[in-house]
Amino acid sequence: TAVTKLLENLLVKTEPSPSQAVSCSSCTTCVVTET
């Protein structure tokens, strides 16, 4: 779901905004927990 939010940003035609940002900590939490 976090990766999907990143990919969604590629397809949105608007300028980048803070609402499109994905937190690095959420991705890190998922990766470390999965490992």
PDB file of all heavy atoms in Angstrom:
ATOM      1  N   THR A   1       0.833  -1.199   0.000  1.00  0.00           N
ATOM      2  CA  THR A   1       0.000   0.000   0.000  1.00  0.00           C
ATOM      3  C   THR A   1       0.870   1.253   0.000  1.00  0.00           C
ATOM      4  O   THR A   1       0.565   2.227  -0.705  1.00  0.00           O
ATOM      5  CB  THR A   1      -0.948   0.000   1.214  1.00  0.00           C
ATOM      6  OG1 THR A   1      -1.740  -1.192   1.173  1.00  0.00           O
ATOM      7  CG2 THR A   1      -1.852   1.206   1.218  1.00  0.00           C
ATOM      8  N   ALA A   2       1.967   1.235   0.751  1.00  0.00           N
ATOM      9  CA  ALA A   2       2.889   2.381   0.753  1.00  0.00           C
ATOM     10  C   ALA A   2       3.535   2.557  -0.620  1.00  0.00           C
ATOM     11  O   ALA A   2       3.657   3.678  -1.121  1.00  0.00           O
ATOM     12  CB  ALA A   2       3.954   2.197   1.822  1.00  0.00           C
ATOM     13  N   VAL A   3       3.935   1.453  -1.239  1.00  0.00           N
ATOM     14  CA  VAL A   3       4.531   1.528  -2.570  1.00  0.00           C
ATOM     15  C   VAL A   3       3.489   2.000  -3.582  1.00  0.00           C
ATOM     16  O   VAL A   3       3.795   2.765  -4.500  1.00  0.00           O
ATOM     17  CB  VAL A   3       5.131   0.162  -2.977  1.00  0.00           C
ATOM     18  CG1 VAL A   3       5.531   0.137  -4.434  1.00  0.00           C
ATOM     19  CG2 VAL A   3       6.319  -0.169  -2.091  1.00  0.00           C
ATOM     20  N   THR A   4       2.255   1.583  -3.409  1.00  0.00           N
ATOM     21  CA  THR A   4       1.184   2.011  -4.300  1.00  0.00           C
ATOM     22  C   THR A   4       0.977   3.518  -4.217  1.00  0.00           C
ATOM     23  O   THR A   4       0.736   4.174  -5.228  1.00  0.00           O
ATOM     24  CB  THR A   4      -0.126   1.280  -3.951  1.00  0.00           C
ATOM     25  OG1 THR A   4       0.100  -0.105  -4.105  1.00  0.00           O
ATOM     26  CG2 THR A   4      -1.254   1.718  -4.843  1.00  0.00           C
ATOM     27  N   LYS A   5       1.102   4.064  -3.019  1.00  0.00           N
ATOM     28  CA  LYS A   5       0.982   5.521  -2.874  1.00  0.00           C
ATOM     29  C   LYS A   5       2.092   6.215  -3.657  1.00  0.00           C
ATOM     30  O   LYS A   5       1.858   7.237  -4.300  1.00  0.00           O
ATOM     31  CB  LYS A   5       1.031   5.915  -1.409  1.00  0.00           C
ATOM     32  CG  LYS A   5       0.783   7.396  -1.192  1.00  0.00           C
ATOM     33  CD  LYS A   5       0.485   7.664   0.252  1.00  0.00           C
ATOM     34  CE  LYS A   5       0.422   9.127   0.559  1.00  0.00           C
ATOM     35  NZ  LYS A   5      -0.684   9.821  -0.021  1.00  0.00           N
ATOM     36  N   LEU A   6       3.287   5.652  -3.645  1.00  0.00           N
ATOM     37  CA  LEU A   6       4.374   6.224  -4.442  1.00  0.00           C
ATOM     38  C   LEU A   6       4.072   6.138  -5.931  1.00  0.00           C
ATOM     39  O   LEU A   6       4.283   7.090  -6.681  1.00  0.00           O
ATOM     40  CB  LEU A   6       5.684   5.491  -4.157  1.00  0.00           C
ATOM     41  CG  LEU A   6       6.421   5.872  -2.898  1.00  0.00           C
ATOM     42  CD1 LEU A   6       7.617   4.959  -2.699  1.00  0.00           C
ATOM     43  CD2 LEU A   6       6.860   7.305  -2.954  1.00  0.00           C
ATOM     44  N   LEU A   7       3.577   4.988  -6.372  1.00  0.00           N
ATOM     45  CA  LEU A   7       3.267   4.826  -7.785  1.00  0.00           C
ATOM     46  C   LEU A   7       2.100   5.710  -8.212  1.00  0.00           C
ATOM     47  O   LEU A   7       2.048   6.183  -9.345  1.00  0.00           O
ATOM     48  CB  LEU A   7       2.968   3.362  -8.089  1.00  0.00           C
ATOM     49  CG  LEU A   7       4.155   2.418  -7.966  1.00  0.00           C
ATOM     50  CD1 LEU A   7       3.717   0.980  -8.169  1.00  0.00           C
ATOM     51  CD2 LEU A   7       5.249   2.790  -8.948  1.00  0.00           C
ATOM     52  N   GLU A   8       1.176   5.934  -7.307  1.00  0.00           N
ATOM     53  CA  GLU A   8       0.060   6.830  -7.606  1.00  0.00           C
ATOM     54  C   GLU A   8       0.577   8.237  -7.900  1.00  0.00           C
ATOM     55  O   GLU A   8       0.060   8.930  -8.770  1.00  0.00           O
ATOM     56  CB  GLU A   8      -0.908   6.862  -6.425  1.00  0.00           C
ATOM     57  CG  GLU A   8      -2.038   7.843  -6.593  1.00  0.00           C
ATOM     58  CD  GLU A   8      -2.829   8.029  -5.317  1.00  0.00           C
ATOM     59  OE1 GLU A   8      -2.375   7.598  -4.233  1.00  0.00           O
ATOM     60  OE2 GLU A   8      -3.908   8.632  -5.402  1.00  0.00           O
ATOM     61  N   ASN A   9       1.618   8.644  -7.196  1.00  0.00           N
ATOM     62  CA  ASN A   9       2.200   9.959  -7.416  1.00  0.00           C
ATOM     63  C   ASN A   9       2.744  10.108  -8.835  1.00  0.00           C
ATOM     64  O   ASN A   9       2.781  11.197  -9.377  1.00  0.00           O
ATOM     65  CB  ASN A   9       3.305  10.239  -6.405  1.00  0.00           C
ATOM     66  CG  ASN A   9       2.776  10.344  -5.003  1.00  0.00           C
ATOM     67  OD1 ASN A   9       1.596  10.580  -4.793  1.00  0.00           O
ATOM     68  ND2 ASN A   9       3.644  10.134  -4.030  1.00  0.00           N
ATOM     69  N   LEU A  10       3.169   8.993  -9.427  1.00  0.00           N
ATOM     70  CA  LEU A  10       3.655   9.050 -10.802  1.00  0.00           C
ATOM     71  C   LEU A  10       2.533   9.340 -11.790  1.00  0.00           C
ATOM     72  O   LEU A  10       2.760   9.897 -12.851  1.00  0.00           O
ATOM     73  CB  LEU A  10       4.311   7.719 -11.189  1.00  0.00           C
ATOM     74  CG  LEU A  10       5.632   7.376 -10.525  1.00  0.00           C
ATOM     75  CD1 LEU A  10       6.062   5.976 -10.921  1.00  0.00           C
ATOM     76  CD2 LEU A  10       6.694   8.391 -10.893  1.00  0.00           C
ATOM     77  N   LEU A  11       1.333   8.937 -11.446  1.00  0.00           N
ATOM     78  CA  LEU A  11       0.220   9.045 -12.388  1.00  0.00           C
ATOM     79  C   LEU A  11      -0.639  10.289 -12.187  1.00  0.00           C
ATOM     80  O   LEU A  11      -1.471  10.596 -13.013  1.00  0.00           O
ATOM     81  CB  LEU A  11      -0.652   7.796 -12.267  1.00  0.00           C
ATOM     82  CG  LEU A  11       0.102   6.479 -12.467  1.00  0.00           C
ATOM     83  CD1 LEU A  11      -0.803   5.308 -12.177  1.00  0.00           C
ATOM     84  CD2 LEU A  11       0.670   6.393 -13.865  1.00  0.00           C
ATOM     85  N   VAL A  12      -0.441  10.971 -11.069  1.00  0.00           N
ATOM     86  CA  VAL A  12      -1.230  12.174 -10.789  1.00  0.00           C
ATOM     87  C   VAL A  12      -0.655  13.327 -11.598  1.00  0.00           C
ATOM     88  O   VAL A  12       0.554  13.514 -11.663  1.00  0.00           O
ATOM     89  CB  VAL A  12      -1.201  12.495  -9.278  1.00  0.00           C
ATOM     90  CG1 VAL A  12      -1.900  13.802  -8.992  1.00  0.00           C
ATOM     91  CG2 VAL A  12      -1.850  11.367  -8.499  1.00  0.00           C
ATOM     92  N   LYS A  13      -1.526  14.113 -12.202  1.00  0.00           N
ATOM     93  CA  LYS A  13      -1.072  15.185 -13.093  1.00  0.00           C
ATOM     94  C   LYS A  13      -0.794  16.500 -12.376  1.00  0.00           C
ATOM     95  O   LYS A  13      -0.394  17.461 -12.983  1.00  0.00           O
ATOM     96  CB  LYS A  13      -2.102  15.414 -14.187  1.00  0.00           C
ATOM     97  CG  LYS A  13      -2.233  14.239 -15.115  1.00  0.00           C
ATOM     98  CD  LYS A  13      -3.166  14.527 -16.239  1.00  0.00           C
ATOM     99  CE  LYS A  13      -3.243  13.300 -17.144  1.00  0.00           C
ATOM    100  NZ  LYS A  13      -4.061  13.495 -18.299  1.00  0.00           N
ATOM    101  N   THR A  14      -0.992  16.566 -11.080  1.00  0.00           N
ATOM    102  CA  THR A  14      -0.765  17.806 -10.353  1.00  0.00           C
ATOM    103  C   THR A  14       0.688  17.915  -9.917  1.00  0.00           C
ATOM    104  O   THR A  14       1.452  16.964  -9.992  1.00  0.00           O
ATOM    105  CB  THR A  14      -1.670  17.869  -9.108  1.00  0.00           C
ATOM    106  OG1 THR A  14      -1.324  16.777  -8.254  1.00  0.00           O
ATOM    107  CG2 THR A  14      -3.127  17.795  -9.484  1.00  0.00           C
ATOM    108  N   GLU A  15       1.037  19.077  -9.430  1.00  0.00           N
ATOM    109  CA  GLU A  15       2.381  19.296  -8.903  1.00  0.00           C
ATOM    110  C   GLU A  15       2.521  18.545  -7.580  1.00  0.00           C
ATOM    111  O   GLU A  15       1.540  18.341  -6.864  1.00  0.00           O
ATOM    112  CB  GLU A  15       2.616  20.797  -8.677  1.00  0.00           C
ATOM    113  CG  GLU A  15       2.743  21.572  -9.957  1.00  0.00           C
ATOM    114  CD  GLU A  15       3.933  21.120 -10.791  1.00  0.00           C
ATOM    115  OE1 GLU A  15       5.019  20.922 -10.230  1.00  0.00           O
ATOM    116  OE2 GLU A  15       3.769  20.955 -12.008  1.00  0.00           O
ATOM    117  N   PRO A  16       3.753  18.133  -7.218  1.00  0.00           N
ATOM    118  CA  PRO A  16       3.948  17.405  -5.964  1.00  0.00           C
ATOM    119  C   PRO A  16       3.528  18.251  -4.761  1.00  0.00           C
ATOM    120  O   PRO A  16       3.752  19.449  -4.730  1.00  0.00           O
ATOM    121  CB  PRO A  16       5.457  17.149  -5.923  1.00  0.00           C
ATOM    122  CG  PRO A  16       5.936  17.375  -7.306  1.00  0.00           C
ATOM    123  CD  PRO A  16       4.977  18.283  -7.979  1.00  0.00           C
ATOM    124  N   SER A  17       2.902  17.591  -3.805  1.00  0.00           N
ATOM    125  CA  SER A  17       2.469  18.266  -2.587  1.00  0.00           C
ATOM    126  C   SER A  17       2.777  17.374  -1.397  1.00  0.00           C
ATOM    127  O   SER A  17       3.024  16.180  -1.557  1.00  0.00           O
ATOM    128  CB  SER A  17       0.966  18.565  -2.654  1.00  0.00           C
ATOM    129  OG  SER A  17       0.241  17.359  -2.574  1.00  0.00           O
ATOM    130  N   PRO A  18       2.756  17.940  -0.186  1.00  0.00           N
ATOM    131  CA  PRO A  18       3.026  17.128   1.006  1.00  0.00           C
ATOM    132  C   PRO A  18       2.049  15.970   1.188  1.00  0.00           C
ATOM    133  O   PRO A  18       2.382  14.953   1.772  1.00  0.00           O
ATOM    134  CB  PRO A  18       2.895  18.133   2.155  1.00  0.00           C
ATOM    135  CG  PRO A  18       3.175  19.457   1.537  1.00  0.00           C
ATOM    136  CD  PRO A  18       2.649  19.356   0.129  1.00  0.00           C
ATOM    137  N   SER A  19       0.824  16.092   0.660  1.00  0.00           N
ATOM    138  CA  SER A  19      -0.143  14.996   0.802  1.00  0.00           C
ATOM    139  C   SER A  19       0.245  13.786  -0.044  1.00  0.00           C
ATOM    140  O   SER A  19      -0.233  12.688   0.184  1.00  0.00           O
ATOM    141  CB  SER A  19      -1.540  15.470   0.423  1.00  0.00           C
ATOM    142  OG  SER A  19      -1.596  15.767  -0.951  1.00  0.00           O
ATOM    143  N   GLN A  20       1.100  13.987  -1.045  1.00  0.00           N
ATOM    144  CA  GLN A  20       1.542  12.886  -1.891  1.00  0.00           C
ATOM    145  C   GLN A  20       2.797  12.213  -1.340  1.00  0.00           C
ATOM    146  O   GLN A  20       3.223  11.198  -1.863  1.00  0.00           O
ATOM    147  CB  GLN A  20       1.834  13.382  -3.300  1.00  0.00           C
ATOM    148  CG  GLN A  20       0.619  13.872  -4.037  1.00  0.00           C
ATOM    149  CD  GLN A  20       0.995  14.462  -5.379  1.00  0.00           C
ATOM    150  OE1 GLN A  20       2.104  14.926  -5.577  1.00  0.00           O
ATOM    151  NE2 GLN A  20       0.053  14.446  -6.305  1.00  0.00           N
ATOM    152  N   ALA A  21       3.380  12.786  -0.313  1.00  0.00           N
ATOM    153  CA  ALA A  21       4.631  12.262   0.226  1.00  0.00           C
ATOM    154  C   ALA A  21       4.381  10.968   1.002  1.00  0.00           C
ATOM    155  O   ALA A  21       3.335  10.774   1.610  1.00  0.00           O
ATOM    156  CB  ALA A  21       5.280  13.287   1.140  1.00  0.00           C
ATOM    157  N   VAL A  22       5.349  10.090   0.935  1.00  0.00           N
ATOM    158  CA  VAL A  22       5.313   8.850   1.702  1.00  0.00           C
ATOM    159  C   VAL A  22       6.403   8.925   2.751  1.00  0.00           C
ATOM    160  O   VAL A  22       7.553   9.248   2.443  1.00  0.00           O
ATOM    161  CB  VAL A  22       5.523   7.625   0.789  1.00  0.00           C
ATOM    162  CG1 VAL A  22       5.631   6.360   1.597  1.00  0.00           C
ATOM    163  CG2 VAL A  22       4.388   7.524  -0.200  1.00  0.00           C
ATOM    164  N   SER A  23       6.059   8.637   3.972  1.00  0.00           N
ATOM    165  CA  SER A  23       7.005   8.706   5.067  1.00  0.00           C
ATOM    166  C   SER A  23       8.055   7.614   4.933  1.00  0.00           C
ATOM    167  O   SER A  23       7.735   6.445   4.714  1.00  0.00           O
ATOM    168  CB  SER A  23       6.251   8.564   6.391  1.00  0.00           C
ATOM    169  OG  SER A  23       7.137   8.283   7.425  1.00  0.00           O
ATOM    170  N   CYS A  24       9.301   8.000   5.095  1.00  0.00           N
ATOM    171  CA  CYS A  24      10.392   7.039   5.045  1.00  0.00           C
ATOM    172  C   CYS A  24      10.301   6.083   6.235  1.00  0.00           C
ATOM    173  O   CYS A  24      10.627   4.906   6.121  1.00  0.00           O
ATOM    174  CB  CYS A  24      11.733   7.771   5.053  1.00  0.00           C
ATOM    175  SG  CYS A  24      13.155   6.704   4.842  1.00  0.00           S
ATOM    176  N   SER A  25       9.815   6.578   7.372  1.00  0.00           N
ATOM    177  CA  SER A  25       9.712   5.720   8.554  1.00  0.00           C
ATOM    178  C   SER A  25       8.676   4.621   8.364  1.00  0.00           C
ATOM    179  O   SER A  25       8.857   3.503   8.850  1.00  0.00           O
ATOM    180  CB  SER A  25       9.392   6.541   9.803  1.00  0.00           C
ATOM    181  OG  SER A  25       8.137   7.144   9.683  1.00  0.00           O
ATOM    182  N   SER A  26       7.583   4.903   7.655  1.00  0.00           N
ATOM    183  CA  SER A  26       6.582   3.853   7.435  1.00  0.00           C
ATOM    184  C   SER A  26       7.143   2.750   6.541  1.00  0.00           C
ATOM    185  O   SER A  26       6.913   1.565   6.789  1.00  0.00           O
ATOM    186  CB  SER A  26       5.302   4.432   6.838  1.00  0.00           C
ATOM    187  OG  SER A  26       5.526   4.930   5.540  1.00  0.00           O
ATOM    188  N   CYS A  27       7.890   3.129   5.514  1.00  0.00           N
ATOM    189  CA  CYS A  27       8.507   2.116   4.649  1.00  0.00           C
ATOM    190  C   CYS A  27       9.559   1.315   5.409  1.00  0.00           C
ATOM    191  O   CYS A  27       9.635   0.093   5.288  1.00  0.00           O
ATOM    192  CB  CYS A  27       9.130   2.758   3.419  1.00  0.00           C
ATOM    193  SG  CYS A  27       7.909   3.366   2.251  1.00  0.00           S
ATOM    194  N   THR A  28      10.368   2.014   6.214  1.00  0.00           N
ATOM    195  CA  THR A  28      11.399   1.338   6.999  1.00  0.00           C
ATOM    196  C   THR A  28      10.772   0.391   8.008  1.00  0.00           C
ATOM    197  O   THR A  28      11.257  -0.732   8.192  1.00  0.00           O
ATOM    198  CB  THR A  28      12.285   2.367   7.727  1.00  0.00           C
ATOM    199  OG1 THR A  28      12.811   3.283   6.777  1.00  0.00           O
ATOM    200  CG2 THR A  28      13.410   1.696   8.467  1.00  0.00           C
ATOM    201  N   THR A  29       9.702   0.816   8.656  1.00  0.00           N
ATOM    202  CA  THR A  29       9.011  -0.048   9.617  1.00  0.00           C
ATOM    203  C   THR A  29       8.529  -1.323   8.938  1.00  0.00           C
ATOM    204  O   THR A  29       8.719  -2.420   9.462  1.00  0.00           O
ATOM    205  CB  THR A  29       7.820   0.694  10.252  1.00  0.00           C
ATOM    206  OG1 THR A  29       8.293   1.860  10.906  1.00  0.00           O
ATOM    207  CG2 THR A  29       7.090  -0.189  11.242  1.00  0.00           C
ATOM    208  N   CYS A  30       7.926  -1.192   7.774  1.00  0.00           N
ATOM    209  CA  CYS A  30       7.422  -2.368   7.053  1.00  0.00           C
ATOM    210  C   CYS A  30       8.553  -3.301   6.648  1.00  0.00           C
ATOM    211  O   CYS A  30       8.452  -4.520   6.817  1.00  0.00           O
ATOM    212  CB  CYS A  30       6.633  -1.935   5.825  1.00  0.00           C
ATOM    213  SG  CYS A  30       5.047  -1.194   6.199  1.00  0.00           S
ATOM    214  N   VAL A  31       9.625  -2.743   6.127  1.00  0.00           N
ATOM    215  CA  VAL A  31      10.739  -3.575   5.656  1.00  0.00           C
ATOM    216  C   VAL A  31      11.396  -4.312   6.821  1.00  0.00           C
ATOM    217  O   VAL A  31      11.652  -5.523   6.740  1.00  0.00           O
ATOM    218  CB  VAL A  31      11.778  -2.717   4.895  1.00  0.00           C
ATOM    219  CG1 VAL A  31      13.049  -3.488   4.647  1.00  0.00           C
ATOM    220  CG2 VAL A  31      11.195  -2.230   3.590  1.00  0.00           C
ATOM    221  N   VAL A  32      11.664  -3.611   7.922  1.00  0.00           N
ATOM    222  CA  VAL A  32      12.327  -4.245   9.066  1.00  0.00           C
ATOM    223  C   VAL A  32      11.409  -5.276   9.707  1.00  0.00           C
ATOM    224  O   VAL A  32      11.848  -6.376  10.052  1.00  0.00           O
ATOM    225  CB  VAL A  32      12.783  -3.175  10.085  1.00  0.00           C
ATOM    226  CG1 VAL A  32      13.290  -3.812  11.358  1.00  0.00           C
ATOM    227  CG2 VAL A  32      13.860  -2.299   9.474  1.00  0.00           C
ATOM    228  N   THR A  33      10.135  -4.948   9.844  1.00  0.00           N
ATOM    229  CA  THR A  33       9.186  -5.907  10.428  1.00  0.00           C
ATOM    230  C   THR A  33       9.084  -7.153   9.560  1.00  0.00           C
ATOM    231  O   THR A  33       9.071  -8.276  10.066  1.00  0.00           O
ATOM    232  CB  THR A  33       7.805  -5.260  10.603  1.00  0.00           C
ATOM    233  OG1 THR A  33       7.937  -4.103  11.423  1.00  0.00           O
ATOM    234  CG2 THR A  33       6.821  -6.221  11.240  1.00  0.00           C
ATOM    235  N   GLU A  34       9.031  -6.968   8.255  1.00  0.00           N
ATOM    236  CA  GLU A  34       8.957  -8.108   7.344  1.00  0.00           C
ATOM    237  C   GLU A  34      10.220  -8.968   7.447  1.00  0.00           C
ATOM    238  O   GLU A  34      10.140 -10.194   7.502  1.00  0.00           O
ATOM    239  CB  GLU A  34       8.766  -7.606   5.913  1.00  0.00           C
ATOM    240  CG  GLU A  34       8.524  -8.697   4.911  1.00  0.00           C
ATOM    241  CD  GLU A  34       8.157  -8.147   3.545  1.00  0.00           C
ATOM    242  OE1 GLU A  34       8.520  -7.000   3.212  1.00  0.00           O
ATOM    243  OE2 GLU A  34       7.478  -8.873   2.806  1.00  0.00           O
ATOM    244  N   THR A  35      11.363  -8.337   7.532  1.00  0.00           N
ATOM    245  CA  THR A  35      12.626  -9.065   7.639  1.00  0.00           C
ATOM    246  C   THR A  35      12.687  -9.881   8.924  1.00  0.00           C
ATOM    247  O   THR A  35      13.061 -11.059   8.907  1.00  0.00           O
ATOM    248  CB  THR A  35      13.809  -8.081   7.579  1.00  0.00           C
ATOM    249  OG1 THR A  35      13.739  -7.347   6.358  1.00  0.00           O
ATOM    250  CG2 THR A  35      15.133  -8.803   7.673  1.00  0.00           C
TER     251      THR A  35
END
